[in-house]
Amino acid sequence: MTSTAAIPERSARAQAFRDFWKRFARNKGALVGVFILLAVVVLALVAPLLYPQSPWAMVQRPFLPPLGAEGFLFGTDTLGRDIGAGLVHGARISLLVGIVSTVVALSIGVTLGAFAGYYGGLLDDALMRFTEFFQTIPNFALAIVLVAIFQPSITSVIVAIGIVSWPPVARLVRGEFLSLRNREFVQASVVLGQSNLQIITRQILPNTLSPVIVMASLMIAQAILLESSLSFLGLGDPNTMSWGYMIGAARTVIRQAWWMSFFPGIAILLTVLALNLVGEGLNDALNPRLARKGR
């Protein structure tokens, strides 16, 4: 049987979610971003159904313009490959790289930032100097070096983007921990005998998630741009179709076949724009000050 104590708790969570959604929905741009993201995710999921053939397959004559033949809405490229197949299959790669590399960056940044902010002292100084070292190197340049060292592949691209993206997360989490570690609920946990790890993971970290979630949505957009840039330069996985690769392959024939770079560019633009709009909406919904103003 369900305990009576669980019912009010469940109701409180449902009410909190309704309040969050109400604040989020006030931002019309954020709703547009959610709609675009859902469309991209659905296209990525049904890609094998829409285009069961490989995106590398030559299925028509080269340089077929958009609507030039039945079933080829976006035309073909220099080798007769379907641009539409490349778009939907490329969406899977872009989302995969964006999400997984952000998880990698969050894992590194949250861990280092939490320990630096909670313990302070020499550990804080050492971790922040380590963070500053990574911040002195341009992200894109470091990503190019890392991918070149590990050989271009999906794994190396994800690891490279995760490594160059974690410093802002570490600084954000450190700042939150510095402001929370001396609060009353933390001191009460110390008195109750909880370990440092329990205090970090169960008491302080949950109270820092709001700004981290907002930053994560923006990091996914940045990761998609980085992956596209690397693929444009020929440093992506040579065995996977991506939007950046499609634009890079079309740069030499941009005057002859404008659609080859136009449609992947629009896909990147809409996806990154949607993620930024969602991030703005999350900031409005999760920021306590903005939430109070909206009441």
C-alpha atoms as a PDB file:
ATOM      1  CA  MET A   1       0.000   0.000   0.000  1.00  0.00           C
ATOM      2  CA  THR A   2       1.117   3.571  -0.690  1.00  0.00           C
ATOM      3  CA  SER A   3       2.014   5.420   2.496  1.00  0.00           C
ATOM      4  CA  THR A   4       0.014   8.539   3.337  1.00  0.00           C
ATOM      5  CA  ALA A   5       3.249  10.545   3.636  1.00  0.00           C
ATOM      6  CA  ALA A   6       4.078   9.851  -0.016  1.00  0.00           C
ATOM      7  CA  ILE A   7       0.814  11.428  -1.246  1.00  0.00           C
ATOM      8  CA  PRO A   8       1.538  15.015  -0.064  1.00  0.00           C
ATOM      9  CA  GLU A   9       5.101  14.671  -1.320  1.00  0.00           C
ATOM     10  CA  ARG A  10       3.869  13.585  -4.738  1.00  0.00           C
ATOM     11  CA  SER A  11       1.360  16.445  -4.796  1.00  0.00           C
ATOM     12  CA  ALA A  12       4.087  18.922  -3.885  1.00  0.00           C
ATOM     13  CA  ARG A  13       6.268  17.666  -6.723  1.00  0.00           C
ATOM     14  CA  ALA A  14       3.375  17.894  -9.179  1.00  0.00           C
ATOM     15  CA  GLN A  15       2.639  21.445  -8.041  1.00  0.00           C
ATOM     16  CA  ALA A  16       6.313  22.387  -8.355  1.00  0.00           C
ATOM     17  CA  PHE A  17       6.381  21.036 -11.899  1.00  0.00           C
ATOM     18  CA  ARG A  18       3.210  22.944 -12.788  1.00  0.00           C
ATOM     19  CA  ASP A  19       4.729  26.157 -11.405  1.00  0.00           C
ATOM     20  CA  PHE A  20       7.932  25.525 -13.348  1.00  0.00           C
ATOM     21  CA  TRP A  21       6.048  24.908 -16.583  1.00  0.00           C
ATOM     22  CA  LYS A  22       3.909  28.017 -16.039  1.00  0.00           C
ATOM     23  CA  ARG A  23       7.013  30.196 -15.694  1.00  0.00           C
ATOM     24  CA  PHE A  24       8.701  28.456 -18.630  1.00  0.00           C
ATOM     25  CA  ALA A  25       5.659  28.815 -20.887  1.00  0.00           C
ATOM     26  CA  ARG A  26       5.564  32.585 -20.327  1.00  0.00           C
ATOM     27  CA  ASN A  27       8.636  32.749 -22.571  1.00  0.00           C
ATOM     28  CA  LYS A  28       7.168  32.263 -26.054  1.00  0.00           C
ATOM     29  CA  GLY A  29      10.606  31.950 -27.597  1.00  0.00           C
ATOM     30  CA  ALA A  30      11.364  29.023 -25.311  1.00  0.00           C
ATOM     31  CA  LEU A  31       8.219  27.239 -26.494  1.00  0.00           C
ATOM     32  CA  VAL A  32       9.293  27.755 -30.100  1.00  0.00           C
ATOM     33  CA  GLY A  33      12.704  26.322 -29.172  1.00  0.00           C
ATOM     34  CA  VAL A  34      11.088  23.248 -27.601  1.00  0.00           C
ATOM     35  CA  PHE A  35       8.992  22.687 -30.714  1.00  0.00           C
ATOM     36  CA  ILE A  36      12.051  22.908 -33.005  1.00  0.00           C
ATOM     37  CA  LEU A  37      14.082  20.596 -30.761  1.00  0.00           C
ATOM     38  CA  LEU A  38      11.297  18.030 -30.639  1.00  0.00           C
ATOM     39  CA  ALA A  39      11.104  18.109 -34.432  1.00  0.00           C
ATOM     40  CA  VAL A  40      14.872  17.537 -34.719  1.00  0.00           C
ATOM     41  CA  VAL A  41      14.776  14.703 -32.170  1.00  0.00           C
ATOM     42  CA  VAL A  42      11.840  13.013 -33.933  1.00  0.00           C
ATOM     43  CA  LEU A  43      13.604  13.266 -37.301  1.00  0.00           C
ATOM     44  CA  ALA A  44      16.749  11.780 -35.782  1.00  0.00           C
ATOM     45  CA  LEU A  45      14.790   8.893 -34.264  1.00  0.00           C
ATOM     46  CA  VAL A  46      12.857   8.029 -37.429  1.00  0.00           C
ATOM     47  CA  ALA A  47      15.833   8.534 -39.777  1.00  0.00           C
ATOM     48  CA  PRO A  48      16.130   4.781 -40.561  1.00  0.00           C
ATOM     49  CA  LEU A  49      12.433   4.731 -41.485  1.00  0.00           C
ATOM     50  CA  LEU A  50      12.492   7.862 -43.657  1.00  0.00           C
ATOM     51  CA  TYR A  51      15.767   6.974 -45.376  1.00  0.00           C
ATOM     52  CA  PRO A  52      16.523   3.268 -44.882  1.00  0.00           C
ATOM     53  CA  GLN A  53      19.431   3.424 -47.316  1.00  0.00           C
ATOM     54  CA  SER A  54      22.847   4.633 -46.208  1.00  0.00           C
ATOM     55  CA  PRO A  55      23.332   8.424 -46.460  1.00  0.00           C
ATOM     56  CA  TRP A  56      26.539   7.594 -48.360  1.00  0.00           C
ATOM     57  CA  ALA A  57      24.655   5.705 -51.077  1.00  0.00           C
ATOM     58  CA  MET A  58      24.631   7.214 -54.597  1.00  0.00           C
ATOM     59  CA  VAL A  59      20.950   7.186 -55.505  1.00  0.00           C
ATOM     60  CA  GLN A  60      20.553   9.782 -58.291  1.00  0.00           C
ATOM     61  CA  ARG A  61      22.555  11.831 -60.701  1.00  0.00           C
ATOM     62  CA  PRO A  62      24.956  14.371 -59.162  1.00  0.00           C
ATOM     63  CA  PHE A  63      23.923  18.001 -58.623  1.00  0.00           C
ATOM     64  CA  LEU A  64      20.212  17.286 -58.765  1.00  0.00           C
ATOM     65  CA  PRO A  65      18.536  20.521 -57.541  1.00  0.00           C
ATOM     66  CA  PRO A  66      15.851  20.514 -54.817  1.00  0.00           C
ATOM     67  CA  LEU A  67      12.553  19.063 -56.101  1.00  0.00           C
ATOM     68  CA  GLY A  68      14.411  18.061 -59.261  1.00  0.00           C
ATOM     69  CA  ALA A  69      12.980  14.540 -59.043  1.00  0.00           C
ATOM     70  CA  GLU A  70      10.285  12.766 -57.096  1.00  0.00           C
ATOM     71  CA  GLY A  71      11.452  11.770 -53.636  1.00  0.00           C
ATOM     72  CA  PHE A  72      14.424  14.152 -53.613  1.00  0.00           C
ATOM     73  CA  LEU A  73      13.108  17.167 -51.771  1.00  0.00           C
ATOM     74  CA  PHE A  74      16.565  18.572 -50.983  1.00  0.00           C
ATOM     75  CA  GLY A  75      18.435  17.455 -54.118  1.00  0.00           C
ATOM     76  CA  THR A  76      21.698  15.526 -54.334  1.00  0.00           C
ATOM     77  CA  ASP A  77      25.389  16.295 -53.851  1.00  0.00           C
ATOM     78  CA  THR A  78      28.482  15.939 -56.047  1.00  0.00           C
ATOM     79  CA  LEU A  79      28.298  12.127 -55.960  1.00  0.00           C
ATOM     80  CA  GLY A  80      24.532  11.750 -56.291  1.00  0.00           C
ATOM     81  CA  ARG A  81      23.908  11.198 -52.561  1.00  0.00           C
ATOM     82  CA  ASP A  82      20.557  12.316 -51.166  1.00  0.00           C
ATOM     83  CA  ILE A  83      20.867  15.569 -49.169  1.00  0.00           C
ATOM     84  CA  GLY A  84      17.700  14.703 -47.218  1.00  0.00           C
ATOM     85  CA  ALA A  85      19.210  11.412 -46.024  1.00  0.00           C
ATOM     86  CA  GLY A  86      22.324  13.268 -44.927  1.00  0.00           C
ATOM     87  CA  LEU A  87      20.256  15.812 -42.997  1.00  0.00           C
ATOM     88  CA  VAL A  88      18.236  13.329 -40.924  1.00  0.00           C
ATOM     89  CA  HIS A  89      21.136  10.944 -40.329  1.00  0.00           C
ATOM     90  CA  GLY A  90      23.395  13.902 -39.535  1.00  0.00           C
ATOM     91  CA  ALA A  91      20.901  15.042 -36.890  1.00  0.00           C
ATOM     92  CA  ARG A  92      21.584  11.834 -34.963  1.00  0.00           C
ATOM     93  CA  ILE A  93      25.329  12.516 -34.945  1.00  0.00           C
ATOM     94  CA  SER A  94      24.948  16.163 -33.947  1.00  0.00           C
ATOM     95  CA  LEU A  95      22.575  15.368 -31.071  1.00  0.00           C
ATOM     96  CA  LEU A  96      24.691  12.424 -29.930  1.00  0.00           C
ATOM     97  CA  VAL A  97      27.893  14.460 -29.864  1.00  0.00           C
ATOM     98  CA  GLY A  98      26.175  17.453 -28.255  1.00  0.00           C
ATOM     99  CA  ILE A  99      24.531  15.510 -25.440  1.00  0.00           C
ATOM    100  CA  VAL A 100      27.307  13.025 -24.635  1.00  0.00           C
ATOM    101  CA  SER A 101      30.107  15.616 -24.742  1.00  0.00           C
ATOM    102  CA  THR A 102      28.060  17.858 -22.437  1.00  0.00           C
ATOM    103  CA  VAL A 103      27.660  14.965 -19.998  1.00  0.00           C
ATOM    104  CA  VAL A 104      31.444  14.453 -20.088  1.00  0.00           C
ATOM    105  CA  ALA A 105      32.067  18.162 -19.470  1.00  0.00           C
ATOM    106  CA  LEU A 106      29.528  18.280 -16.629  1.00  0.00           C
ATOM    107  CA  SER A 107      31.056  15.219 -14.988  1.00  0.00           C
ATOM    108  CA  ILE A 108      34.503  16.835 -14.936  1.00  0.00           C
ATOM    109  CA  GLY A 109      33.398  20.386 -14.163  1.00  0.00           C
ATOM    110  CA  VAL A 110      30.882  19.579 -11.433  1.00  0.00           C
ATOM    111  CA  THR A 111      33.315  17.234  -9.661  1.00  0.00           C
ATOM    112  CA  LEU A 112      36.248  19.667  -9.663  1.00  0.00           C
ATOM    113  CA  GLY A 113      34.093  22.684  -8.886  1.00  0.00           C
ATOM    114  CA  ALA A 114      32.355  20.931  -5.996  1.00  0.00           C
ATOM    115  CA  PHE A 115      35.588  19.836  -4.310  1.00  0.00           C
ATOM    116  CA  ALA A 116      37.232  23.231  -4.878  1.00  0.00           C
ATOM    117  CA  GLY A 117      34.276  25.165  -3.473  1.00  0.00           C
ATOM    118  CA  TYR A 118      33.625  22.886  -0.514  1.00  0.00           C
ATOM    119  CA  TYR A 119      37.155  22.306   0.766  1.00  0.00           C
ATOM    120  CA  GLY A 120      38.728  25.625  -0.269  1.00  0.00           C
ATOM    121  CA  GLY A 121      42.325  26.384   0.743  1.00  0.00           C
ATOM    122  CA  LEU A 122      45.177  24.778  -1.154  1.00  0.00           C
ATOM    123  CA  LEU A 123      42.923  22.329  -2.967  1.00  0.00           C
ATOM    124  CA  ASP A 124      40.810  25.208  -4.252  1.00  0.00           C
ATOM    125  CA  ASP A 125      43.901  27.104  -5.415  1.00  0.00           C
ATOM    126  CA  ALA A 126      45.352  24.056  -7.164  1.00  0.00           C
ATOM    127  CA  LEU A 127      42.102  23.166  -8.946  1.00  0.00           C
ATOM    128  CA  MET A 128      41.469  26.759 -10.048  1.00  0.00           C
ATOM    129  CA  ARG A 129      45.001  27.121 -11.422  1.00  0.00           C
ATOM    130  CA  PHE A 130      44.411  23.858 -13.309  1.00  0.00           C
ATOM    131  CA  THR A 131      41.142  25.283 -14.641  1.00  0.00           C
ATOM    132  CA  GLU A 132      42.793  28.542 -15.674  1.00  0.00           C
ATOM    133  CA  PHE A 133      45.404  26.593 -17.629  1.00  0.00           C
ATOM    134  CA  PHE A 134      42.670  25.116 -19.832  1.00  0.00           C
ATOM    135  CA  GLN A 135      40.979  28.502 -20.181  1.00  0.00           C
ATOM    136  CA  THR A 136      44.144  30.123 -21.552  1.00  0.00           C
ATOM    137  CA  ILE A 137      44.009  27.866 -24.622  1.00  0.00           C
ATOM    138  CA  PRO A 138      41.315  28.643 -27.249  1.00  0.00           C
ATOM    139  CA  ASN A 139      38.680  25.910 -27.166  1.00  0.00           C
ATOM    140  CA  PHE A 140      38.636  25.269 -30.892  1.00  0.00           C
ATOM    141  CA  ALA A 141      42.416  25.106 -31.190  1.00  0.00           C
ATOM    142  CA  LEU A 142      42.671  22.643 -28.295  1.00  0.00           C
ATOM    143  CA  ALA A 143      39.862  20.526 -29.748  1.00  0.00           C
ATOM    144  CA  ILE A 144      41.696  20.328 -33.098  1.00  0.00           C
ATOM    145  CA  VAL A 145      44.899  19.216 -31.372  1.00  0.00           C
ATOM    146  CA  LEU A 146      43.127  16.568 -29.284  1.00  0.00           C
ATOM    147  CA  VAL A 147      41.204  15.111 -32.226  1.00  0.00           C
ATOM    148  CA  ALA A 148      44.379  15.033 -34.330  1.00  0.00           C
ATOM    149  CA  ILE A 149      46.232  13.201 -31.539  1.00  0.00           C
ATOM    150  CA  PHE A 150      43.507  10.588 -30.946  1.00  0.00           C
ATOM    151  CA  GLN A 151      42.636  10.178 -34.674  1.00  0.00           C
ATOM    152  CA  PRO A 152      39.272  11.480 -35.975  1.00  0.00           C
ATOM    153  CA  SER A 153      36.322   9.427 -34.706  1.00  0.00           C
ATOM    154  CA  ILE A 154      33.064   9.997 -32.867  1.00  0.00           C
ATOM    155  CA  THR A 155      34.709   9.019 -29.574  1.00  0.00           C
ATOM    156  CA  SER A 156      37.677  11.359 -30.011  1.00  0.00           C
ATOM    157  CA  VAL A 157      35.398  14.247 -31.020  1.00  0.00           C
ATOM    158  CA  ILE A 158      33.183  13.703 -27.958  1.00  0.00           C
ATOM    159  CA  VAL A 159      36.172  13.470 -25.608  1.00  0.00           C
ATOM    160  CA  ALA A 160      37.831  16.538 -27.143  1.00  0.00           C
ATOM    161  CA  ILE A 161      34.706  18.682 -26.873  1.00  0.00           C
ATOM    162  CA  GLY A 162      34.092  17.477 -23.303  1.00  0.00           C
ATOM    163  CA  ILE A 163      37.670  18.343 -22.285  1.00  0.00           C
ATOM    164  CA  VAL A 164      37.531  21.882 -23.695  1.00  0.00           C
ATOM    165  CA  SER A 165      34.045  22.618 -22.306  1.00  0.00           C
ATOM    166  CA  TRP A 166      34.315  21.852 -18.579  1.00  0.00           C
ATOM    167  CA  PRO A 167      36.152  24.946 -17.139  1.00  0.00           C
ATOM    168  CA  PRO A 168      33.104  27.299 -17.079  1.00  0.00           C
ATOM    169  CA  VAL A 169      31.109  24.570 -15.311  1.00  0.00           C
ATOM    170  CA  ALA A 170      33.813  24.161 -12.667  1.00  0.00           C
ATOM    171  CA  ARG A 171      33.875  27.888 -11.972  1.00  0.00           C
ATOM    172  CA  LEU A 172      30.085  28.090 -11.773  1.00  0.00           C
ATOM    173  CA  VAL A 173      29.783  25.132  -9.378  1.00  0.00           C
ATOM    174  CA  ARG A 174      32.685  26.409  -7.252  1.00  0.00           C
ATOM    175  CA  GLY A 175      30.960  29.767  -6.834  1.00  0.00           C
ATOM    176  CA  GLU A 176      27.694  28.103  -5.822  1.00  0.00           C
ATOM    177  CA  PHE A 177      29.456  25.872  -3.292  1.00  0.00           C
ATOM    178  CA  LEU A 178      31.323  28.833  -1.785  1.00  0.00           C
ATOM    179  CA  SER A 179      28.016  30.615  -1.199  1.00  0.00           C
ATOM    180  CA  LEU A 180      26.248  27.553   0.224  1.00  0.00           C
ATOM    181  CA  ARG A 181      28.852  25.708   2.303  1.00  0.00           C
ATOM    182  CA  ASN A 182      28.334  27.907   5.391  1.00  0.00           C
ATOM    183  CA  ARG A 183      24.534  27.879   5.317  1.00  0.00           C
ATOM    184  CA  GLU A 184      22.527  26.572   8.258  1.00  0.00           C
ATOM    185  CA  PHE A 185      21.376  23.357   6.566  1.00  0.00           C
ATOM    186  CA  VAL A 186      25.008  22.438   5.830  1.00  0.00           C
ATOM    187  CA  GLN A 187      26.057  23.111   9.412  1.00  0.00           C
ATOM    188  CA  ALA A 188      23.122  20.999  10.623  1.00  0.00           C
ATOM    189  CA  SER A 189      24.325  18.122   8.421  1.00  0.00           C
ATOM    190  CA  VAL A 190      27.806  18.411   9.954  1.00  0.00           C
ATOM    191  CA  VAL A 191      26.306  18.261  13.459  1.00  0.00           C
ATOM    192  CA  LEU A 192      24.286  15.177  12.487  1.00  0.00           C
ATOM    193  CA  GLY A 193      27.532  13.434  11.543  1.00  0.00           C
ATOM    194  CA  GLN A 194      27.163  13.230   7.779  1.00  0.00           C
ATOM    195  CA  SER A 195      30.400  12.719   5.856  1.00  0.00           C
ATOM    196  CA  ASN A 196      31.825  15.365   3.554  1.00  0.00           C
ATOM    197  CA  LEU A 197      30.848  13.325   0.503  1.00  0.00           C
ATOM    198  CA  GLN A 198      27.265  13.014   1.744  1.00  0.00           C
ATOM    199  CA  ILE A 199      27.062  16.746   2.390  1.00  0.00           C
ATOM    200  CA  ILE A 200      28.438  17.517  -1.084  1.00  0.00           C
ATOM    201  CA  THR A 201      26.184  15.120  -2.984  1.00  0.00           C
ATOM    202  CA  ARG A 202      22.990  15.220  -0.916  1.00  0.00           C
ATOM    203  CA  GLN A 203      22.870  18.710   0.582  1.00  0.00           C
ATOM    204  CA  ILE A 204      24.789  21.257  -1.495  1.00  0.00           C
ATOM    205  CA  LEU A 205      24.871  19.806  -5.005  1.00  0.00           C
ATOM    206  CA  PRO A 206      21.066  19.583  -5.445  1.00  0.00           C
ATOM    207  CA  ASN A 207      20.863  23.310  -4.635  1.00  0.00           C
ATOM    208  CA  THR A 208      23.311  24.153  -7.434  1.00  0.00           C
ATOM    209  CA  LEU A 209      21.523  22.267 -10.217  1.00  0.00           C
ATOM    210  CA  SER A 210      19.381  25.143 -11.532  1.00  0.00           C
ATOM    211  CA  PRO A 211      22.223  27.222 -13.044  1.00  0.00           C
ATOM    212  CA  VAL A 212      24.015  24.042 -14.128  1.00  0.00           C
ATOM    213  CA  ILE A 213      20.933  22.883 -16.078  1.00  0.00           C
ATOM    214  CA  VAL A 214      20.711  26.247 -17.824  1.00  0.00           C
ATOM    215  CA  MET A 215      24.412  26.131 -18.698  1.00  0.00           C
ATOM    216  CA  ALA A 216      24.082  22.533 -19.946  1.00  0.00           C
ATOM    217  CA  SER A 217      21.481  23.535 -22.550  1.00  0.00           C
ATOM    218  CA  LEU A 218      23.841  26.192 -23.898  1.00  0.00           C
ATOM    219  CA  MET A 219      26.783  23.778 -23.815  1.00  0.00           C
ATOM    220  CA  ILE A 220      24.923  21.331 -26.059  1.00  0.00           C
ATOM    221  CA  ALA A 221      24.512  24.111 -28.622  1.00  0.00           C
ATOM    222  CA  GLN A 222      28.203  24.980 -28.367  1.00  0.00           C
ATOM    223  CA  ALA A 223      29.151  21.307 -28.732  1.00  0.00           C
ATOM    224  CA  ILE A 224      27.082  21.002 -31.919  1.00  0.00           C
ATOM    225  CA  LEU A 225      28.872  24.041 -33.356  1.00  0.00           C
ATOM    226  CA  LEU A 226      32.279  22.634 -32.386  1.00  0.00           C
ATOM    227  CA  GLU A 227      31.501  19.246 -33.937  1.00  0.00           C
ATOM    228  CA  SER A 228      30.294  20.932 -37.113  1.00  0.00           C
ATOM    229  CA  SER A 229      33.457  23.027 -37.275  1.00  0.00           C
ATOM    230  CA  LEU A 230      35.696  19.988 -36.790  1.00  0.00           C
ATOM    231  CA  SER A 231      33.804  18.019 -39.444  1.00  0.00           C
ATOM    232  CA  PHE A 232      33.991  21.005 -41.789  1.00  0.00           C
ATOM    233  CA  LEU A 233      37.790  20.839 -41.500  1.00  0.00           C
ATOM    234  CA  GLY A 234      37.791  17.093 -42.152  1.00  0.00           C
ATOM    235  CA  LEU A 235      38.453  16.133 -38.521  1.00  0.00           C
ATOM    236  CA  GLY A 236      35.132  14.394 -37.922  1.00  0.00           C
ATOM    237  CA  ASP A 237      34.507  10.678 -38.074  1.00  0.00           C
ATOM    238  CA  PRO A 238      35.035   9.707 -41.737  1.00  0.00           C
ATOM    239  CA  ASN A 239      32.499   6.890 -41.387  1.00  0.00           C
ATOM    240  CA  THR A 240      29.557   9.009 -40.196  1.00  0.00           C
ATOM    241  CA  MET A 241      27.516  11.664 -41.986  1.00  0.00           C
ATOM    242  CA  SER A 242      27.240  14.983 -40.161  1.00  0.00           C
ATOM    243  CA  TRP A 243      26.011  18.481 -40.947  1.00  0.00           C
ATOM    244  CA  GLY A 244      29.505  19.922 -40.682  1.00  0.00           C
ATOM    245  CA  TYR A 245      30.873  17.363 -43.130  1.00  0.00           C
ATOM    246  CA  MET A 246      28.099  18.175 -45.605  1.00  0.00           C
ATOM    247  CA  ILE A 247      28.949  21.882 -45.504  1.00  0.00           C
ATOM    248  CA  GLY A 248      32.656  21.153 -45.793  1.00  0.00           C
ATOM    249  CA  ALA A 249      32.124  18.890 -48.806  1.00  0.00           C
ATOM    250  CA  ALA A 250      30.052  21.597 -50.505  1.00  0.00           C
ATOM    251  CA  ARG A 251      32.425  24.542 -50.059  1.00  0.00           C
ATOM    252  CA  THR A 252      34.154  24.004 -53.410  1.00  0.00           C
ATOM    253  CA  VAL A 253      30.871  23.953 -55.377  1.00  0.00           C
ATOM    254  CA  ILE A 254      28.884  26.527 -53.439  1.00  0.00           C
ATOM    255  CA  ARG A 255      28.151  28.571 -56.588  1.00  0.00           C
ATOM    256  CA  GLN A 256      27.202  25.541 -58.640  1.00  0.00           C
ATOM    257  CA  ALA A 257      25.110  23.744 -55.991  1.00  0.00           C
ATOM    258  CA  TRP A 258      24.010  26.196 -53.301  1.00  0.00           C
ATOM    259  CA  TRP A 259      21.615  23.698 -51.706  1.00  0.00           C
ATOM    260  CA  MET A 260      24.419  21.379 -50.604  1.00  0.00           C
ATOM    261  CA  SER A 261      25.590  23.845 -47.936  1.00  0.00           C
ATOM    262  CA  PHE A 262      22.340  25.779 -47.470  1.00  0.00           C
ATOM    263  CA  PHE A 263      20.187  23.035 -45.963  1.00  0.00           C
ATOM    264  CA  PRO A 264      22.795  21.684 -43.475  1.00  0.00           C
ATOM    265  CA  GLY A 265      23.561  25.278 -42.483  1.00  0.00           C
ATOM    266  CA  ILE A 266      19.878  25.949 -41.801  1.00  0.00           C
ATOM    267  CA  ALA A 267      19.689  22.732 -39.758  1.00  0.00           C
ATOM    268  CA  ILE A 268      22.623  23.846 -37.578  1.00  0.00           C
ATOM    269  CA  LEU A 269      21.196  27.361 -37.249  1.00  0.00           C
ATOM    270  CA  LEU A 270      17.745  26.183 -36.165  1.00  0.00           C
ATOM    271  CA  THR A 271      19.058  23.581 -33.714  1.00  0.00           C
ATOM    272  CA  VAL A 272      21.518  25.942 -32.027  1.00  0.00           C
ATOM    273  CA  LEU A 273      18.933  28.731 -31.943  1.00  0.00           C
ATOM    274  CA  ALA A 274      16.373  26.369 -30.392  1.00  0.00           C
ATOM    275  CA  LEU A 275      18.816  25.301 -27.679  1.00  0.00           C
ATOM    276  CA  ASN A 276      19.594  28.926 -26.842  1.00  0.00           C
ATOM    277  CA  LEU A 277      15.897  29.774 -26.653  1.00  0.00           C
ATOM    278  CA  VAL A 278      15.283  26.788 -24.369  1.00  0.00           C
ATOM    279  CA  GLY A 279      18.225  27.846 -22.205  1.00  0.00           C
ATOM    280  CA  GLU A 280      16.739  31.319 -21.853  1.00  0.00           C
ATOM    281  CA  GLY A 281      13.393  29.804 -20.897  1.00  0.00           C
ATOM    282  CA  LEU A 282      15.019  27.530 -18.314  1.00  0.00           C
ATOM    283  CA  ASN A 283      16.812  30.519 -16.831  1.00  0.00           C
ATOM    284  CA  ASP A 284      13.488  32.366 -16.495  1.00  0.00           C
ATOM    285  CA  ALA A 285      11.823  29.334 -14.914  1.00  0.00           C
ATOM    286  CA  LEU A 286      14.622  28.253 -12.563  1.00  0.00           C
ATOM    287  CA  ASN A 287      15.960  31.656 -11.489  1.00  0.00           C
ATOM    288  CA  PRO A 288      14.344  32.356  -8.077  1.00  0.00           C
ATOM    289  CA  ARG A 289      14.477  36.134  -8.506  1.00  0.00           C
ATOM    290  CA  LEU A 290      12.822  36.030 -11.901  1.00  0.00           C
ATOM    291  CA  ALA A 291      10.279  33.524 -10.574  1.00  0.00           C
ATOM    292  CA  ARG A 292       9.270  35.889  -7.753  1.00  0.00           C
ATOM    293  CA  LYS A 293       8.935  38.815 -10.178  1.00  0.00           C
ATOM    294  CA  GLY A 294       6.643  36.771 -12.381  1.00  0.00           C
ATOM    295  CA  ARG A 295       4.168  36.030  -9.616  1.00  0.00           C
END
